Amino acid sequence: MLPCNVTIRELETGEIEIAAIDPSVAMSAIINQELEVYAKKVNDKLQNVLHAIKIK
């Protein structure tokens, strides 16, 4: 299981902040080439979602 935590919070300014942990970085302590491939794929998908949300 990869760490893919996503947080949503309201800032003091009233803006909403959405953030996600990069699974590639979170799993960097584990040396496993196959896991790195999946972590990058998951990170790419998370970034696409975050980008789509920011556009709206």
N, C-alpha and C. Protein backbone atom coordinates (compact mmCIF):
# COMPACT_ATOMS: atom_id res chain seq x y z
N MET A 1 0.84 -1.17 0.00
CA MET A 1 0.00 0.00 0.00
C MET A 1 0.89 1.24 0.00
N LEU A 2 0.65 2.13 -0.92
CA LEU A 2 1.42 3.37 -1.00
C LEU A 2 0.75 4.46 -0.16
N PRO A 3 1.56 5.31 0.46
CA PRO A 3 0.97 6.44 1.19
C PRO A 3 0.49 7.50 0.20
N CYS A 4 -0.78 7.73 0.16
CA CYS A 4 -1.36 8.69 -0.78
C CYS A 4 -2.30 9.63 -0.04
N ASN A 5 -1.85 10.13 1.08
CA ASN A 5 -2.70 11.00 1.88
C ASN A 5 -2.99 12.30 1.16
N VAL A 6 -4.26 12.67 1.18
CA VAL A 6 -4.70 13.94 0.62
C VAL A 6 -5.36 14.71 1.75
N THR A 7 -4.96 15.97 1.91
CA THR A 7 -5.57 16.80 2.96
C THR A 7 -6.27 17.98 2.32
N ILE A 8 -7.37 18.37 2.95
CA ILE A 8 -8.14 19.54 2.52
C ILE A 8 -8.37 20.39 3.76
N ARG A 9 -8.01 21.67 3.68
CA ARG A 9 -8.23 22.55 4.83
C ARG A 9 -8.53 23.97 4.38
N GLU A 10 -9.23 24.67 5.24
CA GLU A 10 -9.55 26.07 4.97
C GLU A 10 -8.51 26.94 5.66
N LEU A 11 -7.90 27.85 4.90
CA LEU A 11 -6.90 28.75 5.44
C LEU A 11 -7.58 29.94 6.12
N GLU A 12 -6.83 30.69 6.89
CA GLU A 12 -7.38 31.87 7.57
C GLU A 12 -7.95 32.88 6.58
N THR A 13 -7.43 32.88 5.37
CA THR A 13 -7.90 33.80 4.34
C THR A 13 -9.24 33.37 3.73
N GLY A 14 -9.69 32.16 4.10
CA GLY A 14 -10.92 31.63 3.53
C GLY A 14 -10.69 30.74 2.32
N GLU A 15 -9.46 30.74 1.81
CA GLU A 15 -9.13 29.88 0.68
C GLU A 15 -9.06 28.43 1.14
N ILE A 16 -9.28 27.52 0.20
CA ILE A 16 -9.20 26.09 0.49
C ILE A 16 -7.87 25.58 -0.07
N GLU A 17 -7.14 24.85 0.77
CA GLU A 17 -5.87 24.25 0.36
C GLU A 17 -6.05 22.74 0.24
N ILE A 18 -5.63 22.19 -0.88
CA ILE A 18 -5.67 20.74 -1.09
C ILE A 18 -4.23 20.31 -1.37
N ALA A 19 -3.76 19.34 -0.61
CA ALA A 19 -2.38 18.88 -0.75
C ALA A 19 -2.34 17.36 -0.73
N ALA A 20 -1.34 16.80 -1.38
CA ALA A 20 -1.17 15.35 -1.41
C ALA A 20 0.30 15.01 -1.17
N ILE A 21 0.52 13.94 -0.44
CA ILE A 21 1.88 13.46 -0.21
C ILE A 21 2.36 12.76 -1.47
N ASP A 22 3.57 13.06 -1.90
CA ASP A 22 4.17 12.41 -3.06
C ASP A 22 4.60 11.00 -2.64
N PRO A 23 3.94 9.95 -3.14
CA PRO A 23 4.30 8.59 -2.73
C PRO A 23 5.73 8.22 -3.12
N SER A 24 6.26 8.82 -4.18
CA SER A 24 7.64 8.53 -4.58
C SER A 24 8.61 8.97 -3.49
N VAL A 25 8.38 10.12 -2.92
CA VAL A 25 9.24 10.63 -1.85
C VAL A 25 9.02 9.84 -0.57
N ALA A 26 7.76 9.57 -0.26
CA ALA A 26 7.45 8.84 0.97
C ALA A 26 8.06 7.43 0.96
N MET A 27 8.17 6.82 -0.20
CA MET A 27 8.69 5.47 -0.30
C MET A 27 10.17 5.43 -0.67
N SER A 28 10.84 6.56 -0.72
CA SER A 28 12.23 6.60 -1.17
C SER A 28 13.18 5.83 -0.24
N ALA A 29 12.81 5.64 1.01
CA ALA A 29 13.68 4.89 1.93
C ALA A 29 13.69 3.40 1.60
N ILE A 30 12.67 2.93 0.89
CA ILE A 30 12.60 1.53 0.51
C ILE A 30 13.18 1.37 -0.89
N ILE A 31 14.23 0.61 -1.00
CA ILE A 31 14.88 0.42 -2.30
C ILE A 31 14.21 -0.74 -3.02
N ASN A 32 13.32 -0.37 -3.95
CA ASN A 32 12.56 -1.36 -4.71
C ASN A 32 12.15 -0.70 -6.02
N GLN A 33 12.82 -1.08 -7.09
CA GLN A 33 12.58 -0.48 -8.41
C GLN A 33 11.13 -0.62 -8.85
N GLU A 34 10.55 -1.78 -8.62
CA GLU A 34 9.17 -2.01 -9.05
C GLU A 34 8.21 -1.10 -8.28
N LEU A 35 8.45 -0.93 -7.01
CA LEU A 35 7.62 -0.05 -6.19
C LEU A 35 7.75 1.40 -6.65
N GLU A 36 8.95 1.80 -7.03
CA GLU A 36 9.17 3.17 -7.51
C GLU A 36 8.35 3.46 -8.76
N VAL A 37 8.23 2.47 -9.64
CA VAL A 37 7.43 2.64 -10.86
C VAL A 37 5.97 2.91 -10.50
N TYR A 38 5.43 2.13 -9.59
CA TYR A 38 4.03 2.32 -9.18
C TYR A 38 3.85 3.64 -8.43
N ALA A 39 4.81 3.98 -7.60
CA ALA A 39 4.72 5.23 -6.84
C ALA A 39 4.69 6.42 -7.80
N LYS A 40 5.49 6.37 -8.88
CA LYS A 40 5.48 7.47 -9.85
C LYS A 40 4.14 7.54 -10.57
N LYS A 41 3.58 6.38 -10.94
CA LYS A 41 2.28 6.37 -11.61
C LYS A 41 1.20 6.98 -10.71
N VAL A 42 1.23 6.60 -9.45
CA VAL A 42 0.24 7.14 -8.50
C VAL A 42 0.43 8.63 -8.34
N ASN A 43 1.68 9.07 -8.22
CA ASN A 43 1.95 10.50 -8.07
C ASN A 43 1.46 11.28 -9.30
N ASP A 44 1.71 10.75 -10.48
CA ASP A 44 1.24 11.41 -11.71
C ASP A 44 -0.29 11.57 -11.68
N LYS A 45 -0.99 10.54 -11.25
CA LYS A 45 -2.45 10.61 -11.19
C LYS A 45 -2.91 11.62 -10.14
N LEU A 46 -2.26 11.63 -8.98
CA LEU A 46 -2.60 12.61 -7.95
C LEU A 46 -2.37 14.04 -8.45
N GLN A 47 -1.27 14.25 -9.15
CA GLN A 47 -0.97 15.59 -9.67
C GLN A 47 -2.01 16.01 -10.70
N ASN A 48 -2.46 15.08 -11.54
CA ASN A 48 -3.51 15.39 -12.53
C ASN A 48 -4.80 15.81 -11.83
N VAL A 49 -5.16 15.12 -10.76
CA VAL A 49 -6.36 15.47 -10.01
C VAL A 49 -6.21 16.85 -9.37
N LEU A 50 -5.09 17.08 -8.72
CA LEU A 50 -4.86 18.38 -8.08
C LEU A 50 -4.88 19.51 -9.10
N HIS A 51 -4.29 19.28 -10.26
CA HIS A 51 -4.29 20.30 -11.31
C HIS A 51 -5.71 20.57 -11.81
N ALA A 52 -6.50 19.51 -11.98
CA ALA A 52 -7.88 19.67 -12.45
C ALA A 52 -8.71 20.46 -11.43
N ILE A 53 -8.46 20.23 -10.17
CA ILE A 53 -9.19 20.96 -9.12
C ILE A 53 -8.83 22.43 -9.13
N LYS A 54 -7.55 22.75 -9.34
CA LYS A 54 -7.09 24.15 -9.32
C LYS A 54 -7.66 24.94 -10.49
N ILE A 55 -7.93 24.28 -11.59
CA ILE A 55 -8.45 24.97 -12.77
C ILE A 55 -9.87 25.48 -12.51
N LYS A 56 -10.64 24.75 -11.73
CA LYS A 56 -12.05 25.10 -11.51
C LYS A 56 -12.24 26.23 -10.59
